[in-house]
Amino acid sequence: MRKLACIAVIIASLAVAVFAHGNLEHILGTVVAVTDHTVSVKTADGSVKIVAFDSETQFLKGVSPATAKDLAVGIRVVIHAHKNGEKFHAAEIKMAAAAAGQHP
């Protein structure tokens, strides 16, 4: 039951963040791949979105500052991105502070 409650809290907090950034695209899901300049995210509908990032992208882990090096396969993210055609460029990548069931 505690694990389910933790998952619910993480999803709820990420969902609030999704609606906080105006006209940017919001991508919520699990990281499935990371390169030096992109992150691939599997969304709830099963699609994979590839999002570019650069030195202007803000990274957060929970509420703490983070870097691109903190991105890892399997973590949950909320990405606020500019969309140009079918391409995405991240303004902000927010990572879950800890995976469900893990203790910091």
N, C-alpha and C. Protein backbone atom coordinates (compact mmCIF):
# COMPACT_ATOMS: atom_id res chain seq x y z
N MET A 1 0.83 -1.19 0.00
CA MET A 1 0.00 0.00 0.00
C MET A 1 0.87 1.25 0.00
N ARG A 2 1.97 1.21 0.76
CA ARG A 2 2.85 2.38 0.84
C ARG A 2 3.47 2.68 -0.53
N LYS A 3 3.84 1.63 -1.25
CA LYS A 3 4.42 1.81 -2.59
C LYS A 3 3.42 2.49 -3.51
N LEU A 4 2.17 2.07 -3.47
CA LEU A 4 1.12 2.67 -4.29
C LEU A 4 0.94 4.14 -3.92
N ALA A 5 0.98 4.45 -2.64
CA ALA A 5 0.84 5.84 -2.20
C ALA A 5 2.01 6.68 -2.70
N CYS A 6 3.22 6.15 -2.67
CA CYS A 6 4.39 6.87 -3.17
C CYS A 6 4.26 7.15 -4.67
N ILE A 7 3.82 6.15 -5.40
CA ILE A 7 3.63 6.33 -6.84
C ILE A 7 2.59 7.40 -7.12
N ALA A 8 1.49 7.38 -6.37
CA ALA A 8 0.44 8.37 -6.55
C ALA A 8 0.95 9.78 -6.28
N VAL A 9 1.76 9.94 -5.23
CA VAL A 9 2.31 11.25 -4.89
C VAL A 9 3.25 11.74 -6.00
N ILE A 10 4.09 10.86 -6.51
CA ILE A 10 5.01 11.24 -7.59
C ILE A 10 4.24 11.66 -8.83
N ILE A 11 3.26 10.87 -9.22
CA ILE A 11 2.47 11.20 -10.41
C ILE A 11 1.71 12.50 -10.22
N ALA A 12 1.13 12.70 -9.05
CA ALA A 12 0.39 13.93 -8.79
C ALA A 12 1.30 15.15 -8.85
N SER A 13 2.49 15.05 -8.26
CA SER A 13 3.39 16.21 -8.27
C SER A 13 3.90 16.49 -9.68
N LEU A 14 4.15 15.44 -10.45
CA LEU A 14 4.58 15.65 -11.84
C LEU A 14 3.44 16.21 -12.68
N ALA A 15 2.21 15.78 -12.41
CA ALA A 15 1.06 16.28 -13.16
C ALA A 15 0.85 17.77 -12.92
N VAL A 16 1.04 18.22 -11.69
CA VAL A 16 0.91 19.65 -11.40
C VAL A 16 1.93 20.44 -12.20
N ALA A 17 3.15 19.93 -12.28
CA ALA A 17 4.19 20.60 -13.04
C ALA A 17 3.86 20.67 -14.52
N VAL A 18 3.15 19.69 -15.03
CA VAL A 18 2.81 19.64 -16.45
C VAL A 18 2.00 20.86 -16.86
N PHE A 19 1.12 21.32 -16.00
CA PHE A 19 0.23 22.42 -16.35
C PHE A 19 0.79 23.80 -16.01
N ALA A 20 2.03 23.88 -15.59
CA ALA A 20 2.57 25.13 -15.08
C ALA A 20 3.38 25.93 -16.10
N HIS A 21 3.50 25.47 -17.35
CA HIS A 21 4.40 26.13 -18.28
C HIS A 21 3.75 26.57 -19.58
N GLY A 22 2.66 27.31 -19.50
CA GLY A 22 2.07 27.98 -20.64
C GLY A 22 1.98 27.19 -21.93
N ASN A 23 2.59 27.75 -22.99
CA ASN A 23 2.40 27.19 -24.33
C ASN A 23 3.45 26.17 -24.74
N LEU A 24 4.26 25.70 -23.83
CA LEU A 24 5.23 24.67 -24.16
C LEU A 24 4.54 23.31 -24.22
N GLU A 25 5.11 22.40 -25.02
CA GLU A 25 4.62 21.02 -25.06
C GLU A 25 5.07 20.33 -23.78
N HIS A 26 4.24 19.45 -23.27
CA HIS A 26 4.55 18.74 -22.04
C HIS A 26 4.68 17.25 -22.37
N ILE A 27 5.82 16.70 -22.04
CA ILE A 27 6.09 15.29 -22.30
C ILE A 27 6.35 14.62 -20.96
N LEU A 28 5.52 13.65 -20.63
CA LEU A 28 5.60 12.96 -19.35
C LEU A 28 5.80 11.48 -19.63
N GLY A 29 6.82 10.89 -19.03
CA GLY A 29 7.04 9.47 -19.25
C GLY A 29 8.32 8.96 -18.61
N THR A 30 8.80 7.85 -19.16
CA THR A 30 9.98 7.17 -18.63
C THR A 30 11.11 7.23 -19.65
N VAL A 31 12.30 7.56 -19.19
CA VAL A 31 13.46 7.64 -20.08
C VAL A 31 13.81 6.24 -20.57
N VAL A 32 13.94 6.11 -21.92
CA VAL A 32 14.32 4.82 -22.51
C VAL A 32 15.69 4.88 -23.18
N ALA A 33 16.22 6.10 -23.41
CA ALA A 33 17.56 6.26 -23.99
C ALA A 33 18.04 7.68 -23.76
N VAL A 34 19.38 7.82 -23.63
CA VAL A 34 19.99 9.14 -23.46
C VAL A 34 21.25 9.19 -24.31
N THR A 35 21.43 10.32 -25.04
CA THR A 35 22.68 10.58 -25.75
C THR A 35 23.25 11.88 -25.20
N ASP A 36 24.32 12.38 -25.82
CA ASP A 36 24.91 13.64 -25.36
C ASP A 36 23.98 14.84 -25.51
N HIS A 37 23.02 14.76 -26.45
CA HIS A 37 22.17 15.92 -26.71
C HIS A 37 20.69 15.59 -26.86
N THR A 38 20.29 14.34 -26.58
CA THR A 38 18.88 13.98 -26.66
C THR A 38 18.50 13.01 -25.55
N VAL A 39 17.21 13.02 -25.24
CA VAL A 39 16.64 12.04 -24.33
C VAL A 39 15.39 11.48 -25.02
N SER A 40 15.24 10.16 -24.97
CA SER A 40 14.07 9.50 -25.54
C SER A 40 13.16 9.09 -24.39
N VAL A 41 11.88 9.46 -24.51
CA VAL A 41 10.93 9.24 -23.43
C VAL A 41 9.74 8.44 -23.95
N LYS A 42 9.43 7.34 -23.26
CA LYS A 42 8.25 6.54 -23.58
C LYS A 42 7.08 7.10 -22.78
N THR A 43 6.04 7.53 -23.49
CA THR A 43 4.89 8.16 -22.85
C THR A 43 3.82 7.12 -22.52
N ALA A 44 2.79 7.55 -21.84
CA ALA A 44 1.72 6.65 -21.39
C ALA A 44 1.04 5.93 -22.55
N ASP A 45 0.99 6.56 -23.73
CA ASP A 45 0.34 5.91 -24.87
C ASP A 45 1.27 4.93 -25.60
N GLY A 46 2.50 4.77 -25.09
CA GLY A 46 3.44 3.83 -25.68
C GLY A 46 4.34 4.41 -26.74
N SER A 47 4.09 5.66 -27.13
CA SER A 47 4.96 6.29 -28.13
C SER A 47 6.26 6.75 -27.49
N VAL A 48 7.29 6.90 -28.31
CA VAL A 48 8.58 7.38 -27.82
C VAL A 48 8.84 8.74 -28.46
N LYS A 49 9.08 9.74 -27.63
CA LYS A 49 9.39 11.10 -28.07
C LYS A 49 10.88 11.33 -27.87
N ILE A 50 11.55 11.84 -28.88
CA ILE A 50 12.96 12.20 -28.78
C ILE A 50 13.03 13.70 -28.61
N VAL A 51 13.68 14.13 -27.53
CA VAL A 51 13.74 15.55 -27.18
C VAL A 51 15.21 15.98 -27.10
N ALA A 52 15.54 17.02 -27.85
CA ALA A 52 16.90 17.57 -27.81
C ALA A 52 17.05 18.49 -26.60
N PHE A 53 18.28 18.58 -26.09
CA PHE A 53 18.58 19.53 -25.02
C PHE A 53 19.96 20.13 -25.27
N ASP A 54 20.25 21.25 -24.62
CA ASP A 54 21.54 21.92 -24.78
C ASP A 54 21.89 22.66 -23.50
N SER A 55 22.86 23.54 -23.59
CA SER A 55 23.33 24.26 -22.40
C SER A 55 22.28 25.23 -21.84
N GLU A 56 21.26 25.55 -22.62
CA GLU A 56 20.20 26.44 -22.16
C GLU A 56 19.09 25.68 -21.41
N THR A 57 19.07 24.37 -21.52
CA THR A 57 18.04 23.56 -20.87
C THR A 57 18.26 23.55 -19.36
N GLN A 58 17.19 23.75 -18.61
CA GLN A 58 17.26 23.68 -17.14
C GLN A 58 16.93 22.25 -16.72
N PHE A 59 17.76 21.68 -15.84
CA PHE A 59 17.56 20.33 -15.33
C PHE A 59 17.26 20.40 -13.84
N LEU A 60 16.27 19.65 -13.40
CA LEU A 60 15.93 19.56 -11.99
C LEU A 60 15.74 18.10 -11.63
N LYS A 61 16.16 17.74 -10.41
CA LYS A 61 15.89 16.42 -9.86
C LYS A 61 15.07 16.68 -8.61
N GLY A 62 13.76 16.43 -8.70
CA GLY A 62 12.86 16.88 -7.65
C GLY A 62 12.83 18.39 -7.72
N VAL A 63 13.22 19.06 -6.64
CA VAL A 63 13.29 20.52 -6.64
C VAL A 63 14.73 21.02 -6.65
N SER A 64 15.69 20.10 -6.71
CA SER A 64 17.11 20.46 -6.66
C SER A 64 17.69 20.58 -8.07
N PRO A 65 18.65 21.49 -8.25
CA PRO A 65 19.33 21.60 -9.55
C PRO A 65 20.00 20.27 -9.92
N ALA A 66 20.03 19.99 -11.20
CA ALA A 66 20.64 18.76 -11.70
C ALA A 66 21.34 19.08 -13.02
N THR A 67 21.90 18.07 -13.65
CA THR A 67 22.56 18.22 -14.94
C THR A 67 22.09 17.10 -15.87
N ALA A 68 22.49 17.20 -17.13
CA ALA A 68 22.16 16.15 -18.10
C ALA A 68 22.73 14.81 -17.67
N LYS A 69 23.82 14.82 -16.93
CA LYS A 69 24.44 13.57 -16.48
C LYS A 69 23.56 12.81 -15.49
N ASP A 70 22.56 13.50 -14.91
CA ASP A 70 21.64 12.84 -13.99
C ASP A 70 20.55 12.05 -14.72
N LEU A 71 20.39 12.28 -16.02
CA LEU A 71 19.41 11.52 -16.80
C LEU A 71 19.86 10.08 -16.90
N ALA A 72 18.93 9.16 -16.70
CA ALA A 72 19.26 7.73 -16.78
C ALA A 72 18.04 6.95 -17.25
N VAL A 73 18.28 5.88 -17.94
CA VAL A 73 17.21 5.01 -18.40
C VAL A 73 16.42 4.52 -17.18
N GLY A 74 15.09 4.59 -17.30
CA GLY A 74 14.22 4.09 -16.24
C GLY A 74 13.64 5.14 -15.32
N ILE A 75 14.17 6.36 -15.35
CA ILE A 75 13.62 7.39 -14.46
C ILE A 75 12.44 8.08 -15.12
N ARG A 76 11.54 8.58 -14.29
CA ARG A 76 10.37 9.33 -14.77
C ARG A 76 10.77 10.79 -14.96
N VAL A 77 10.25 11.40 -16.02
CA VAL A 77 10.54 12.80 -16.30
C VAL A 77 9.29 13.54 -16.75
N VAL A 78 9.32 14.84 -16.51
CA VAL A 78 8.38 15.77 -17.12
C VAL A 78 9.24 16.75 -17.88
N ILE A 79 8.98 16.87 -19.18
CA ILE A 79 9.77 17.77 -20.03
C ILE A 79 8.87 18.85 -20.57
N HIS A 80 9.32 20.09 -20.47
CA HIS A 80 8.63 21.24 -21.05
C HIS A 80 9.47 21.63 -22.25
N ALA A 81 8.88 21.49 -23.45
CA ALA A 81 9.67 21.63 -24.67
C ALA A 81 8.99 22.51 -25.70
N HIS A 82 9.82 23.16 -26.50
CA HIS A 82 9.36 23.89 -27.67
C HIS A 82 9.21 22.86 -28.78
N LYS A 83 8.15 22.99 -29.58
CA LYS A 83 7.95 22.07 -30.69
C LYS A 83 8.11 22.82 -31.99
N ASN A 84 8.92 22.25 -32.90
CA ASN A 84 9.12 22.81 -34.22
C ASN A 84 8.87 21.69 -35.22
N GLY A 85 7.70 21.68 -35.82
CA GLY A 85 7.32 20.57 -36.67
C GLY A 85 7.13 19.34 -35.81
N GLU A 86 7.88 18.30 -36.08
CA GLU A 86 7.82 17.07 -35.28
C GLU A 86 8.98 16.97 -34.30
N LYS A 87 9.82 18.01 -34.22
CA LYS A 87 10.98 17.98 -33.34
C LYS A 87 10.70 18.75 -32.05
N PHE A 88 11.30 18.25 -30.95
CA PHE A 88 11.15 18.88 -29.64
C PHE A 88 12.51 19.35 -29.15
N HIS A 89 12.51 20.51 -28.46
CA HIS A 89 13.71 21.02 -27.82
C HIS A 89 13.35 21.41 -26.39
N ALA A 90 14.00 20.82 -25.42
CA ALA A 90 13.65 20.99 -24.01
C ALA A 90 14.06 22.35 -23.46
N ALA A 91 13.12 23.02 -22.82
CA ALA A 91 13.41 24.21 -22.03
C ALA A 91 13.74 23.76 -20.60
N GLU A 92 13.01 22.73 -20.14
CA GLU A 92 13.22 22.20 -18.79
C GLU A 92 12.99 20.70 -18.78
N ILE A 93 13.85 20.00 -18.07
CA ILE A 93 13.68 18.56 -17.84
C ILE A 93 13.68 18.35 -16.34
N LYS A 94 12.54 17.88 -15.84
CA LYS A 94 12.41 17.63 -14.40
C LYS A 94 12.35 16.13 -14.18
N MET A 95 13.30 15.63 -13.40
CA MET A 95 13.41 14.21 -13.10
C MET A 95 12.79 13.92 -11.74
N ALA A 96 12.20 12.74 -11.61
CA ALA A 96 11.69 12.32 -10.31
C ALA A 96 12.86 12.25 -9.34
N ALA A 97 12.65 12.68 -8.11
CA ALA A 97 13.72 12.70 -7.11
C ALA A 97 14.21 11.30 -6.79
N ALA A 98 13.29 10.34 -6.72
CA ALA A 98 13.67 8.93 -6.46
C ALA A 98 12.59 8.06 -7.07
N ALA A 99 12.99 6.94 -7.61
CA ALA A 99 12.02 6.01 -8.19
C ALA A 99 11.15 5.44 -7.08
N ALA A 100 9.94 5.08 -7.42
CA ALA A 100 9.03 4.50 -6.44
C ALA A 100 9.67 3.29 -5.77
N GLY A 101 9.56 3.22 -4.47
CA GLY A 101 10.11 2.09 -3.74
C GLY A 101 11.57 2.26 -3.35
N GLN A 102 12.23 3.31 -3.85
CA GLN A 102 13.62 3.57 -3.49
C GLN A 102 13.66 4.64 -2.41
N HIS A 103 14.64 4.55 -1.57
CA HIS A 103 14.82 5.55 -0.52
C HIS A 103 16.09 6.32 -0.80
N PRO A 104 16.02 7.66 -0.75
CA PRO A 104 17.22 8.47 -1.02
C PRO A 104 18.35 8.20 -0.06
